[in-house]
């Protein structure tokens, strides 16, 4: 039986404001890894492992990453009040990180901490904004074992597990604020329970990534990210002016690259033709509005036009939220 223990004060680091907290995410020369980078390290975040690698080695934080971070900061006090009125308990909200009891480089970002009298212990409270209600489980759901279909996106779940690993908390209330027709925001509270087996595996995986990519300095596996492209450009800024014969593998890559380039060109031509045909068909109206929710909207600007089409989810599944098809017993592999 696991015995609940409060977090020791010596492991808690608090920051006076947002900027100090963001600066504290990457202490110099220590190769610390906080919850906020875990999803990217594992390859299930909004950004590539390359972005995490660049930032954690002392580079600039990804601009989109920082924008989302500050957007969350702005809304946290509001979501906190909604949560407190929803569950009838108060939340200690601070810019705070907690060291793992044995591995001081592992940091859990613990913004919200609340005492739950039902379970008789402190719980982590994690605040998020989302525009897609379909990604999330119903309000009041309790997730004892994470899976890709449980109603918590992989990036949010892995961050929460990392925080529970570092803090020793056994529960995280994931509070997601969603747009609502009736109110400014609707919130859902989804409780995620700690999973010791998964969290141990997570520590091993991230520790190996840290050793290889941060301490030894080996670059991550090449992918399609901008961070990867920028690194390669800086690494090979100058050439020796020589041409050489390609290897068999390089010839194969050249042929595949050329074939894909042709396919892209053909798709772009087909796309432009369809856009013109659709515009010609509906140009006298503002657009189309299907019974199933599908829409085609025409917008005009100086010397040009655009046709924006959104198709009903019943016909196609499109999402800007990265998730994983792996179940809980297989943590998504980091590159």
C-alpha atoms as a PDB file:
ATOM      1  CA  UNK A   1       0.000   0.000   0.000  1.00  0.00           C
ATOM      2  CA  UNK A   2       1.351   3.434  -0.973  1.00  0.00           C
ATOM      3  CA  UNK A   3       1.579   5.832   1.954  1.00  0.00           C
ATOM      4  CA  UNK A   4       0.783   9.464   1.173  1.00  0.00           C
ATOM      5  CA  UNK A   5       3.525  11.945   2.053  1.00  0.00           C
ATOM      6  CA  UNK A   6       3.555  15.711   1.739  1.00  0.00           C
ATOM      7  CA  UNK A   7       6.113  17.298  -0.596  1.00  0.00           C
ATOM      8  CA  UNK A   8       9.295  18.278   1.252  1.00  0.00           C
ATOM      9  CA  UNK A   9       9.918  22.023   1.213  1.00  0.00           C
ATOM     10  CA  UNK A  10      13.526  21.521   0.080  1.00  0.00           C
ATOM     11  CA  UNK A  11      12.302  20.127  -3.256  1.00  0.00           C
ATOM     12  CA  UNK A  12       9.947  23.012  -4.025  1.00  0.00           C
ATOM     13  CA  UNK A  13      11.119  25.981  -6.112  1.00  0.00           C
ATOM     14  CA  UNK A  14       8.759  28.969  -6.313  1.00  0.00           C
ATOM     15  CA  UNK A  15       9.018  31.959  -8.657  1.00  0.00           C
ATOM     16  CA  UNK A  16       7.725  35.463  -8.149  1.00  0.00           C
ATOM     17  CA  UNK A  17       6.288  36.001 -11.625  1.00  0.00           C
ATOM     18  CA  UNK A  18       5.763  34.518 -15.083  1.00  0.00           C
ATOM     19  CA  UNK A  19       9.084  35.655 -16.533  1.00  0.00           C
ATOM     20  CA  UNK A  20      11.088  34.268 -13.617  1.00  0.00           C
ATOM     21  CA  UNK A  21       9.256  30.957 -13.973  1.00  0.00           C
ATOM     22  CA  UNK A  22       9.955  30.745 -17.733  1.00  0.00           C
ATOM     23  CA  UNK A  23      13.630  31.563 -17.138  1.00  0.00           C
ATOM     24  CA  UNK A  24      13.716  28.859 -14.455  1.00  0.00           C
ATOM     25  CA  UNK A  25      12.545  26.203 -16.905  1.00  0.00           C
ATOM     26  CA  UNK A  26      16.093  25.987 -18.244  1.00  0.00           C
ATOM     27  CA  UNK A  27      18.672  26.549 -15.467  1.00  0.00           C
ATOM     28  CA  UNK A  28      22.098  27.010 -17.089  1.00  0.00           C
ATOM     29  CA  UNK A  29      24.309  23.953 -17.572  1.00  0.00           C
ATOM     30  CA  UNK A  30      22.115  21.640 -15.493  1.00  0.00           C
ATOM     31  CA  UNK A  31      20.118  19.948 -18.284  1.00  0.00           C
ATOM     32  CA  UNK A  32      16.937  20.005 -16.214  1.00  0.00           C
ATOM     33  CA  UNK A  33      13.777  18.688 -17.878  1.00  0.00           C
ATOM     34  CA  UNK A  34      10.406  19.937 -16.673  1.00  0.00           C
ATOM     35  CA  UNK A  35       6.890  18.652 -17.323  1.00  0.00           C
ATOM     36  CA  UNK A  36       6.361  21.257 -20.025  1.00  0.00           C
ATOM     37  CA  UNK A  37       8.994  19.629 -22.281  1.00  0.00           C
ATOM     38  CA  UNK A  38       8.042  15.992 -21.724  1.00  0.00           C
ATOM     39  CA  UNK A  39       5.543  15.703 -24.593  1.00  0.00           C
ATOM     40  CA  UNK A  40       8.014  17.175 -27.094  1.00  0.00           C
ATOM     41  CA  UNK A  41      10.816  14.923 -25.849  1.00  0.00           C
ATOM     42  CA  UNK A  42       8.552  11.903 -26.390  1.00  0.00           C
ATOM     43  CA  UNK A  43       7.465  13.110 -29.823  1.00  0.00           C
ATOM     44  CA  UNK A  44       3.778  13.564 -28.905  1.00  0.00           C
ATOM     45  CA  UNK A  45       3.807  17.329 -28.293  1.00  0.00           C
ATOM     46  CA  UNK A  46       2.956  20.310 -30.436  1.00  0.00           C
ATOM     47  CA  UNK A  47       6.630  20.724 -31.293  1.00  0.00           C
ATOM     48  CA  UNK A  48       9.372  18.374 -32.446  1.00  0.00           C
ATOM     49  CA  UNK A  49      11.959  16.782 -30.100  1.00  0.00           C
ATOM     50  CA  UNK A  50      14.356  19.095 -31.945  1.00  0.00           C
ATOM     51  CA  UNK A  51      12.640  22.122 -30.408  1.00  0.00           C
ATOM     52  CA  UNK A  52      13.024  20.653 -26.917  1.00  0.00           C
ATOM     53  CA  UNK A  53      16.641  19.711 -27.645  1.00  0.00           C
ATOM     54  CA  UNK A  54      17.475  23.222 -28.844  1.00  0.00           C
ATOM     55  CA  UNK A  55      15.789  24.950 -25.884  1.00  0.00           C
ATOM     56  CA  UNK A  56      17.125  22.592 -23.218  1.00  0.00           C
ATOM     57  CA  UNK A  57      20.669  23.117 -24.474  1.00  0.00           C
ATOM     58  CA  UNK A  58      20.332  26.853 -23.851  1.00  0.00           C
ATOM     59  CA  UNK A  59      18.750  28.048 -27.083  1.00  0.00           C
ATOM     60  CA  UNK A  60      15.719  30.286 -27.521  1.00  0.00           C
ATOM     61  CA  UNK A  61      12.372  28.819 -26.543  1.00  0.00           C
ATOM     62  CA  UNK A  62      10.129  28.018 -29.535  1.00  0.00           C
ATOM     63  CA  UNK A  63       7.982  31.096 -30.195  1.00  0.00           C
ATOM     64  CA  UNK A  64       4.715  29.156 -30.538  1.00  0.00           C
ATOM     65  CA  UNK A  65       5.559  27.237 -27.348  1.00  0.00           C
ATOM     66  CA  UNK A  66       6.075  30.473 -25.436  1.00  0.00           C
ATOM     67  CA  UNK A  67       2.860  31.994 -26.838  1.00  0.00           C
ATOM     68  CA  UNK A  68       0.782  29.023 -25.685  1.00  0.00           C
ATOM     69  CA  UNK A  69       2.495  29.134 -22.293  1.00  0.00           C
ATOM     70  CA  UNK A  70       1.674  32.795 -21.724  1.00  0.00           C
ATOM     71  CA  UNK A  71      -1.864  32.313 -23.039  1.00  0.00           C
ATOM     72  CA  UNK A  72      -2.356  29.632 -20.377  1.00  0.00           C
ATOM     73  CA  UNK A  73      -0.862  31.932 -17.735  1.00  0.00           C
ATOM     74  CA  UNK A  74      -3.387  34.629 -18.660  1.00  0.00           C
ATOM     75  CA  UNK A  75      -6.382  32.323 -18.274  1.00  0.00           C
ATOM     76  CA  UNK A  76      -5.238  30.299 -15.238  1.00  0.00           C
ATOM     77  CA  UNK A  77      -6.729  32.596 -12.563  1.00  0.00           C
ATOM     78  CA  UNK A  78     -10.102  32.535 -14.336  1.00  0.00           C
ATOM     79  CA  UNK A  79     -10.084  28.751 -14.821  1.00  0.00           C
ATOM     80  CA  UNK A  80      -8.981  28.358 -11.204  1.00  0.00           C
ATOM     81  CA  UNK A  81     -12.032  30.293  -9.940  1.00  0.00           C
ATOM     82  CA  UNK A  82     -14.336  28.224 -12.139  1.00  0.00           C
ATOM     83  CA  UNK A  83     -12.752  25.038 -10.812  1.00  0.00           C
ATOM     84  CA  UNK A  84     -13.053  26.155  -7.176  1.00  0.00           C
ATOM     85  CA  UNK A  85     -16.771  26.909  -7.560  1.00  0.00           C
ATOM     86  CA  UNK A  86     -17.229  23.633  -9.460  1.00  0.00           C
ATOM     87  CA  UNK A  87     -15.630  21.289  -6.891  1.00  0.00           C
ATOM     88  CA  UNK A  88     -16.010  23.483  -3.769  1.00  0.00           C
ATOM     89  CA  UNK A  89     -12.370  23.454  -2.711  1.00  0.00           C
ATOM     90  CA  UNK A  90      -9.629  26.058  -2.936  1.00  0.00           C
ATOM     91  CA  UNK A  91      -6.475  25.886  -5.034  1.00  0.00           C
ATOM     92  CA  UNK A  92      -3.046  27.182  -4.094  1.00  0.00           C
ATOM     93  CA  UNK A  93      -1.938  28.730  -7.403  1.00  0.00           C
ATOM     94  CA  UNK A  94       1.768  29.559  -7.702  1.00  0.00           C
ATOM     95  CA  UNK A  95       4.588  29.518 -10.240  1.00  0.00           C
ATOM     96  CA  UNK A  96       6.221  26.454  -8.772  1.00  0.00           C
ATOM     97  CA  UNK A  97       8.409  23.482  -9.734  1.00  0.00           C
ATOM     98  CA  UNK A  98       9.213  20.390  -7.689  1.00  0.00           C
ATOM     99  CA  UNK A  99      12.369  18.271  -7.917  1.00  0.00           C
ATOM    100  CA  UNK A 100      12.114  14.500  -8.125  1.00  0.00           C
ATOM    101  CA  UNK A 101      13.125  12.950  -4.798  1.00  0.00           C
ATOM    102  CA  UNK A 102      16.144  11.135  -6.312  1.00  0.00           C
ATOM    103  CA  UNK A 103      16.760  12.760  -9.724  1.00  0.00           C
ATOM    104  CA  UNK A 104      17.122  16.505  -9.146  1.00  0.00           C
ATOM    105  CA  UNK A 105      17.214  17.194 -12.918  1.00  0.00           C
ATOM    106  CA  UNK A 106      13.590  16.015 -13.219  1.00  0.00           C
ATOM    107  CA  UNK A 107      11.186  18.857 -12.443  1.00  0.00           C
ATOM    108  CA  UNK A 108       7.418  18.728 -12.097  1.00  0.00           C
ATOM    109  CA  UNK A 109       5.654  21.988 -12.939  1.00  0.00           C
ATOM    110  CA  UNK A 110       3.073  22.285 -10.176  1.00  0.00           C
ATOM    111  CA  UNK A 111       0.998  25.439 -10.734  1.00  0.00           C
ATOM    112  CA  UNK A 112      -2.103  24.286  -8.855  1.00  0.00           C
ATOM    113  CA  UNK A 113      -2.169  22.331  -5.588  1.00  0.00           C
ATOM    114  CA  UNK A 114      -5.365  21.484  -3.710  1.00  0.00           C
ATOM    115  CA  UNK A 115      -6.316  19.385  -0.713  1.00  0.00           C
ATOM    116  CA  UNK A 116      -9.027  16.838  -1.494  1.00  0.00           C
ATOM    117  CA  UNK A 117     -10.808  15.795   1.714  1.00  0.00           C
ATOM    118  CA  UNK A 118     -12.368  12.771  -0.002  1.00  0.00           C
ATOM    119  CA  UNK A 119      -8.994  11.094  -0.698  1.00  0.00           C
ATOM    120  CA  UNK A 120      -7.358  12.831   2.262  1.00  0.00           C
ATOM    121  CA  UNK A 121      -4.322  14.229   0.459  1.00  0.00           C
ATOM    122  CA  UNK A 122      -2.980  16.989  -1.781  1.00  0.00           C
ATOM    123  CA  UNK A 123      -3.629  16.678  -5.497  1.00  0.00           C
ATOM    124  CA  UNK A 124      -2.062  18.415  -8.494  1.00  0.00           C
ATOM    125  CA  UNK A 125      -4.376  20.670 -10.504  1.00  0.00           C
ATOM    126  CA  UNK A 126      -3.485  21.210 -14.161  1.00  0.00           C
ATOM    127  CA  UNK A 127      -5.191  24.010 -16.142  1.00  0.00           C
ATOM    128  CA  UNK A 128      -5.675  23.970 -19.914  1.00  0.00           C
ATOM    129  CA  UNK A 129      -7.503  25.744 -22.734  1.00  0.00           C
ATOM    130  CA  UNK A 130      -8.988  23.857 -25.681  1.00  0.00           C
ATOM    131  CA  UNK A 131     -11.281  24.553 -28.634  1.00  0.00           C
ATOM    132  CA  UNK A 132     -12.074  20.915 -29.394  1.00  0.00           C
ATOM    133  CA  UNK A 133     -14.606  19.316 -27.046  1.00  0.00           C
ATOM    134  CA  UNK A 134     -14.299  15.924 -28.762  1.00  0.00           C
ATOM    135  CA  UNK A 135     -10.758  15.460 -27.441  1.00  0.00           C
ATOM    136  CA  UNK A 136     -11.847  15.349 -23.823  1.00  0.00           C
ATOM    137  CA  UNK A 137     -13.661  12.920 -21.542  1.00  0.00           C
ATOM    138  CA  UNK A 138     -16.890  13.939 -19.816  1.00  0.00           C
ATOM    139  CA  UNK A 139     -16.801  16.156 -16.758  1.00  0.00           C
ATOM    140  CA  UNK A 140     -16.239  14.088 -13.616  1.00  0.00           C
ATOM    141  CA  UNK A 141     -14.475  11.234 -15.399  1.00  0.00           C
ATOM    142  CA  UNK A 142     -11.800   9.330 -13.466  1.00  0.00           C
ATOM    143  CA  UNK A 143      -9.001   7.785 -15.560  1.00  0.00           C
ATOM    144  CA  UNK A 144      -7.161   5.042 -13.715  1.00  0.00           C
ATOM    145  CA  UNK A 145      -5.133   3.857 -16.704  1.00  0.00           C
ATOM    146  CA  UNK A 146      -4.384   6.096 -19.661  1.00  0.00           C
ATOM    147  CA  UNK A 147      -5.034   5.044 -23.259  1.00  0.00           C
ATOM    148  CA  UNK A 148      -5.241   6.970 -26.510  1.00  0.00           C
ATOM    149  CA  UNK A 149      -9.056   6.828 -26.344  1.00  0.00           C
ATOM    150  CA  UNK A 150      -9.559   7.698 -22.675  1.00  0.00           C
ATOM    151  CA  UNK A 151     -10.376  11.362 -23.262  1.00  0.00           C
ATOM    152  CA  UNK A 152      -7.064  12.971 -22.301  1.00  0.00           C
ATOM    153  CA  UNK A 153      -4.682  13.897 -25.156  1.00  0.00           C
ATOM    154  CA  UNK A 154      -1.300  12.181 -24.971  1.00  0.00           C
ATOM    155  CA  UNK A 155       0.699  15.383 -24.507  1.00  0.00           C
ATOM    156  CA  UNK A 156      -1.414  16.488 -21.517  1.00  0.00           C
ATOM    157  CA  UNK A 157      -1.386  13.024 -19.931  1.00  0.00           C
ATOM    158  CA  UNK A 158       2.411  12.631 -20.185  1.00  0.00           C
ATOM    159  CA  UNK A 159       2.939  16.070 -18.613  1.00  0.00           C
ATOM    160  CA  UNK A 160       0.621  15.134 -15.750  1.00  0.00           C
ATOM    161  CA  UNK A 161       2.335  11.783 -15.189  1.00  0.00           C
ATOM    162  CA  UNK A 162       5.728  13.501 -15.090  1.00  0.00           C
ATOM    163  CA  UNK A 163       4.466  15.989 -12.499  1.00  0.00           C
ATOM    164  CA  UNK A 164       3.046  13.175 -10.354  1.00  0.00           C
ATOM    165  CA  UNK A 165       6.355  11.311 -10.705  1.00  0.00           C
ATOM    166  CA  UNK A 166       8.305  14.336  -9.442  1.00  0.00           C
ATOM    167  CA  UNK A 167       5.919  15.502  -6.731  1.00  0.00           C
ATOM    168  CA  UNK A 168       4.674  12.167  -5.400  1.00  0.00           C
ATOM    169  CA  UNK A 169       1.060  13.276  -5.857  1.00  0.00           C
ATOM    170  CA  UNK A 170      -1.236  10.362  -6.643  1.00  0.00           C
ATOM    171  CA  UNK A 171      -3.961  12.326  -8.417  1.00  0.00           C
ATOM    172  CA  UNK A 172      -4.131  15.130 -10.963  1.00  0.00           C
ATOM    173  CA  UNK A 173      -7.291  17.051 -11.716  1.00  0.00           C
ATOM    174  CA  UNK A 174      -6.993  18.105 -15.351  1.00  0.00           C
ATOM    175  CA  UNK A 175      -9.181  21.169 -15.738  1.00  0.00           C
ATOM    176  CA  UNK A 176      -9.918  22.055 -19.342  1.00  0.00           C
ATOM    177  CA  UNK A 177     -11.761  25.248 -20.310  1.00  0.00           C
ATOM    178  CA  UNK A 178     -13.824  25.014 -23.491  1.00  0.00           C
ATOM    179  CA  UNK A 179     -15.868  27.550 -25.487  1.00  0.00           C
ATOM    180  CA  UNK A 180     -19.542  27.433 -24.544  1.00  0.00           C
ATOM    181  CA  UNK A 181     -22.770  28.752 -26.069  1.00  0.00           C
ATOM    182  CA  UNK A 182     -24.306  29.434 -22.653  1.00  0.00           C
ATOM    183  CA  UNK A 183     -21.283  30.843 -20.837  1.00  0.00           C
ATOM    184  CA  UNK A 184     -17.932  32.374 -21.693  1.00  0.00           C
ATOM    185  CA  UNK A 185     -16.224  29.091 -20.760  1.00  0.00           C
ATOM    186  CA  UNK A 186     -17.359  25.606 -19.892  1.00  0.00           C
ATOM    187  CA  UNK A 187     -14.979  23.568 -17.754  1.00  0.00           C
ATOM    188  CA  UNK A 188     -14.515  19.849 -17.438  1.00  0.00           C
ATOM    189  CA  UNK A 189     -12.645  18.270 -14.554  1.00  0.00           C
ATOM    190  CA  UNK A 190     -11.040  14.937 -15.440  1.00  0.00           C
ATOM    191  CA  UNK A 191      -9.119  13.101 -12.735  1.00  0.00           C
ATOM    192  CA  UNK A 192      -6.026  11.148 -13.771  1.00  0.00           C
ATOM    193  CA  UNK A 193      -4.655   8.678 -11.241  1.00  0.00           C
ATOM    194  CA  UNK A 194      -0.937   7.988 -10.893  1.00  0.00           C
ATOM    195  CA  UNK A 195       0.424   4.883 -12.610  1.00  0.00           C
ATOM    196  CA  UNK A 196       3.667   3.829 -10.935  1.00  0.00           C
ATOM    197  CA  UNK A 197       4.628   1.366 -13.661  1.00  0.00           C
ATOM    198  CA  UNK A 198       4.167   3.889 -16.450  1.00  0.00           C
ATOM    199  CA  UNK A 199       5.895   6.643 -14.490  1.00  0.00           C
ATOM    200  CA  UNK A 200       8.955   4.473 -13.828  1.00  0.00           C
ATOM    201  CA  UNK A 201       9.118   3.640 -17.529  1.00  0.00           C
ATOM    202  CA  UNK A 202       8.745   7.330 -18.334  1.00  0.00           C
ATOM    203  CA  UNK A 203      11.688   8.206 -16.079  1.00  0.00           C
ATOM    204  CA  UNK A 204      13.886   5.572 -17.753  1.00  0.00           C
ATOM    205  CA  UNK A 205      12.931   6.780 -21.243  1.00  0.00           C
ATOM    206  CA  UNK A 206      13.476  10.463 -20.529  1.00  0.00           C
ATOM    207  CA  UNK A 207      16.672   9.793 -18.588  1.00  0.00           C
ATOM    208  CA  UNK A 208      18.087   7.903 -21.602  1.00  0.00           C
ATOM    209  CA  UNK A 209      17.065  10.759 -23.932  1.00  0.00           C
ATOM    210  CA  UNK A 210      18.722  13.268 -21.607  1.00  0.00           C
ATOM    211  CA  UNK A 211      21.946  11.254 -21.404  1.00  0.00           C
ATOM    212  CA  UNK A 212      22.195  10.797 -25.169  1.00  0.00           C
ATOM    213  CA  UNK A 213      20.991  14.156 -26.458  1.00  0.00           C
ATOM    214  CA  UNK A 214      21.796  16.666 -23.701  1.00  0.00           C
ATOM    215  CA  UNK A 215      24.865  15.308 -21.908  1.00  0.00           C
ATOM    216  CA  UNK A 216      26.530  13.535 -24.845  1.00  0.00           C
ATOM    217  CA  UNK A 217      25.185  16.135 -27.282  1.00  0.00           C
ATOM    218  CA  UNK A 218      23.981  13.778 -30.037  1.00  0.00           C
ATOM    219  CA  UNK A 219      21.351  15.406 -32.253  1.00  0.00           C
ATOM    220  CA  UNK A 220      17.867  13.830 -32.405  1.00  0.00           C
ATOM    221  CA  UNK A 221      16.729  11.830 -35.409  1.00  0.00           C
ATOM    222  CA  UNK A 222      16.111  13.997 -38.472  1.00  0.00           C
ATOM    223  CA  UNK A 223      12.456  14.944 -38.929  1.00  0.00           C
ATOM    224  CA  UNK A 224      10.354  17.521 -40.812  1.00  0.00           C
ATOM    225  CA  UNK A 225      10.531  20.266 -38.172  1.00  0.00           C
ATOM    226  CA  UNK A 226      11.777  23.800 -38.710  1.00  0.00           C
ATOM    227  CA  UNK A 227      14.121  23.384 -35.740  1.00  0.00           C
ATOM    228  CA  UNK A 228      15.776  20.444 -37.518  1.00  0.00           C
ATOM    229  CA  UNK A 229      16.126  22.445 -40.756  1.00  0.00           C
ATOM    230  CA  UNK A 230      17.691  25.385 -38.915  1.00  0.00           C
ATOM    231  CA  UNK A 231      20.188  23.121 -37.176  1.00  0.00           C
ATOM    232  CA  UNK A 232      21.215  21.484 -40.465  1.00  0.00           C
ATOM    233  CA  UNK A 233      21.594  24.863 -42.146  1.00  0.00           C
ATOM    234  CA  UNK A 234      23.901  26.114 -39.398  1.00  0.00           C
ATOM    235  CA  UNK A 235      25.868  22.849 -39.366  1.00  0.00           C
ATOM    236  CA  UNK A 236      26.406  22.828 -43.133  1.00  0.00           C
ATOM    237  CA  UNK A 237      26.426  26.552 -43.833  1.00  0.00           C
ATOM    238  CA  UNK A 238      29.510  26.199 -46.055  1.00  0.00           C
ATOM    239  CA  UNK A 239      30.319  23.454 -48.573  1.00  0.00           C
ATOM    240  CA  UNK A 240      33.634  22.482 -50.157  1.00  0.00           C
ATOM    241  CA  UNK A 241      32.475  23.291 -53.693  1.00  0.00           C
ATOM    242  CA  UNK A 242      32.865  19.686 -54.872  1.00  0.00           C
ATOM    243  CA  UNK A 243      30.469  17.218 -56.487  1.00  0.00           C
ATOM    244  CA  UNK A 244      30.744  13.489 -55.838  1.00  0.00           C
ATOM    245  CA  UNK A 245      29.002  10.308 -56.913  1.00  0.00           C
ATOM    246  CA  UNK A 246      25.963   9.343 -54.781  1.00  0.00           C
ATOM    247  CA  UNK A 247      25.742   6.127 -52.841  1.00  0.00           C
ATOM    248  CA  UNK A 248      22.917   3.679 -53.589  1.00  0.00           C
ATOM    249  CA  UNK A 249      21.000   4.986 -50.582  1.00  0.00           C
ATOM    250  CA  UNK A 250      21.478   8.579 -51.726  1.00  0.00           C
ATOM    251  CA  UNK A 251      20.291   7.698 -55.233  1.00  0.00           C
ATOM    252  CA  UNK A 252      17.189   6.144 -53.732  1.00  0.00           C
ATOM    253  CA  UNK A 253      16.514   9.297 -51.686  1.00  0.00           C
ATOM    254  CA  UNK A 254      17.045  11.488 -54.768  1.00  0.00           C
ATOM    255  CA  UNK A 255      14.524   9.500 -56.804  1.00  0.00           C
ATOM    256  CA  UNK A 256      11.973   9.507 -53.981  1.00  0.00           C
ATOM    257  CA  UNK A 257      12.441  13.242 -53.427  1.00  0.00           C
ATOM    258  CA  UNK A 258      11.956  13.975 -57.121  1.00  0.00           C
ATOM    259  CA  UNK A 259       8.825  11.769 -57.316  1.00  0.00           C
ATOM    260  CA  UNK A 260       7.308  13.506 -54.273  1.00  0.00           C
ATOM    261  CA  UNK A 261       8.103  16.922 -55.769  1.00  0.00           C
ATOM    262  CA  UNK A 262       6.156  15.998 -58.911  1.00  0.00           C
ATOM    263  CA  UNK A 263       3.231  14.702 -56.840  1.00  0.00           C
ATOM    264  CA  UNK A 264       3.145  17.930 -54.834  1.00  0.00           C
ATOM    265  CA  UNK A 265       3.153  19.995 -58.035  1.00  0.00           C
ATOM    266  CA  UNK A 266       0.256  17.965 -59.464  1.00  0.00           C
ATOM    267  CA  UNK A 267      -1.721  18.228 -56.229  1.00  0.00           C
ATOM    268  CA  UNK A 268      -1.165  21.988 -56.090  1.00  0.00           C
ATOM    269  CA  UNK A 269      -2.433  22.363 -59.667  1.00  0.00           C
ATOM    270  CA  UNK A 270      -5.499  20.210 -58.913  1.00  0.00           C
ATOM    271  CA  UNK A 271      -6.120  22.184 -55.724  1.00  0.00           C
ATOM    272  CA  UNK A 272      -6.018  25.545 -57.551  1.00  0.00           C
ATOM    273  CA  UNK A 273      -8.329  24.226 -60.297  1.00  0.00           C
ATOM    274  CA  UNK A 274     -10.882  23.009 -57.734  1.00  0.00           C
ATOM    275  CA  UNK A 275     -10.695  26.333 -55.910  1.00  0.00           C
ATOM    276  CA  UNK A 276     -11.498  28.203 -59.136  1.00  0.00           C
ATOM    277  CA  UNK A 277     -14.323  25.813 -60.017  1.00  0.00           C
ATOM    278  CA  UNK A 278     -15.849  26.147 -56.556  1.00  0.00           C
ATOM    279  CA  UNK A 279     -15.550  29.948 -56.656  1.00  0.00           C
ATOM    280  CA  UNK A 280     -17.163  30.062 -60.095  1.00  0.00           C
ATOM    281  CA  UNK A 281     -20.040  27.975 -58.749  1.00  0.00           C
ATOM    282  CA  UNK A 282     -20.791  30.001 -55.599  1.00  0.00           C
ATOM    283  CA  UNK A 283     -19.314  33.443 -56.317  1.00  0.00           C
ATOM    284  CA  UNK A 284     -22.740  35.157 -56.314  1.00  0.00           C
ATOM    285  CA  UNK A 285     -23.373  33.997 -52.741  1.00  0.00           C
ATOM    286  CA  UNK A 286     -21.500  34.387 -49.473  1.00  0.00           C
ATOM    287  CA  UNK A 287     -20.869  30.658 -49.506  1.00  0.00           C
ATOM    288  CA  UNK A 288     -22.432  27.278 -48.746  1.00  0.00           C
ATOM    289  CA  UNK A 289     -23.768  25.860 -45.489  1.00  0.00           C
ATOM    290  CA  UNK A 290     -24.580  22.129 -45.508  1.00  0.00           C
ATOM    291  CA  UNK A 291     -27.112  20.476 -43.208  1.00  0.00           C
ATOM    292  CA  UNK A 292     -24.343  18.323 -41.716  1.00  0.00           C
ATOM    293  CA  UNK A 293     -22.283  21.374 -40.724  1.00  0.00           C
ATOM    294  CA  UNK A 294     -20.030  21.484 -43.791  1.00  0.00           C
ATOM    295  CA  UNK A 295     -19.245  25.006 -44.991  1.00  0.00           C
ATOM    296  CA  UNK A 296     -17.596  26.763 -47.927  1.00  0.00           C
ATOM    297  CA  UNK A 297     -17.003  30.472 -47.338  1.00  0.00           C
ATOM    298  CA  UNK A 298     -15.827  32.961 -49.974  1.00  0.00           C
ATOM    299  CA  UNK A 299     -13.668  35.878 -48.859  1.00  0.00           C
ATOM    300  CA  UNK A 300     -12.528  38.642 -51.189  1.00  0.00           C
ATOM    301  CA  UNK A 301      -9.520  40.865 -50.806  1.00  0.00           C
ATOM    302  CA  UNK A 302      -7.869  43.363 -53.072  1.00  0.00           C
ATOM    303  CA  UNK A 303      -7.203  41.599 -56.362  1.00  0.00           C
ATOM    304  CA  UNK A 304      -7.747  38.097 -54.981  1.00  0.00           C
ATOM    305  CA  UNK A 305     -10.171  35.680 -53.351  1.00  0.00           C
ATOM    306  CA  UNK A 306     -10.134  32.694 -51.053  1.00  0.00           C
ATOM    307  CA  UNK A 307     -12.450  29.733 -50.648  1.00  0.00           C
ATOM    308  CA  UNK A 308     -12.319  28.215 -47.176  1.00  0.00           C
ATOM    309  CA  UNK A 309     -13.920  24.816 -46.765  1.00  0.00           C
ATOM    310  CA  UNK A 310     -14.672  23.009 -43.505  1.00  0.00           C
ATOM    311  CA  UNK A 311     -16.083  19.501 -43.791  1.00  0.00           C
ATOM    312  CA  UNK A 312     -18.275  17.761 -41.225  1.00  0.00           C
ATOM    313  CA  UNK A 313     -16.323  15.426 -38.865  1.00  0.00           C
ATOM    314  CA  UNK A 314     -18.645  12.643 -40.038  1.00  0.00           C
ATOM    315  CA  UNK A 315     -17.009  12.827 -43.451  1.00  0.00           C
ATOM    316  CA  UNK A 316     -13.413  13.346 -42.455  1.00  0.00           C
ATOM    317  CA  UNK A 317     -11.448  13.472 -39.241  1.00  0.00           C
ATOM    318  CA  UNK A 318      -9.169  16.499 -39.021  1.00  0.00           C
ATOM    319  CA  UNK A 319      -7.449  17.559 -35.826  1.00  0.00           C
ATOM    320  CA  UNK A 320      -4.625  19.921 -34.928  1.00  0.00           C
ATOM    321  CA  UNK A 321      -4.069  18.066 -31.639  1.00  0.00           C
ATOM    322  CA  UNK A 322      -1.291  15.522 -31.775  1.00  0.00           C
ATOM    323  CA  UNK A 323      -2.179  12.241 -30.143  1.00  0.00           C
ATOM    324  CA  UNK A 324      -0.701   8.782 -30.110  1.00  0.00           C
ATOM    325  CA  UNK A 325      -2.107   5.412 -31.056  1.00  0.00           C
ATOM    326  CA  UNK A 326      -0.092   3.692 -28.312  1.00  0.00           C
ATOM    327  CA  UNK A 327      -1.833   2.403 -25.222  1.00  0.00           C
ATOM    328  CA  UNK A 328      -0.625   3.047 -21.691  1.00  0.00           C
ATOM    329  CA  UNK A 329       1.788   0.124 -21.551  1.00  0.00           C
ATOM    330  CA  UNK A 330       3.765   1.527 -24.475  1.00  0.00           C
ATOM    331  CA  UNK A 331       4.991   5.061 -23.859  1.00  0.00           C
ATOM    332  CA  UNK A 332       5.549   6.853 -27.211  1.00  0.00           C
ATOM    333  CA  UNK A 333       9.232   6.555 -28.057  1.00  0.00           C
ATOM    334  CA  UNK A 334      11.466   9.619 -28.126  1.00  0.00           C
ATOM    335  CA  UNK A 335      13.818  10.029 -31.036  1.00  0.00           C
END
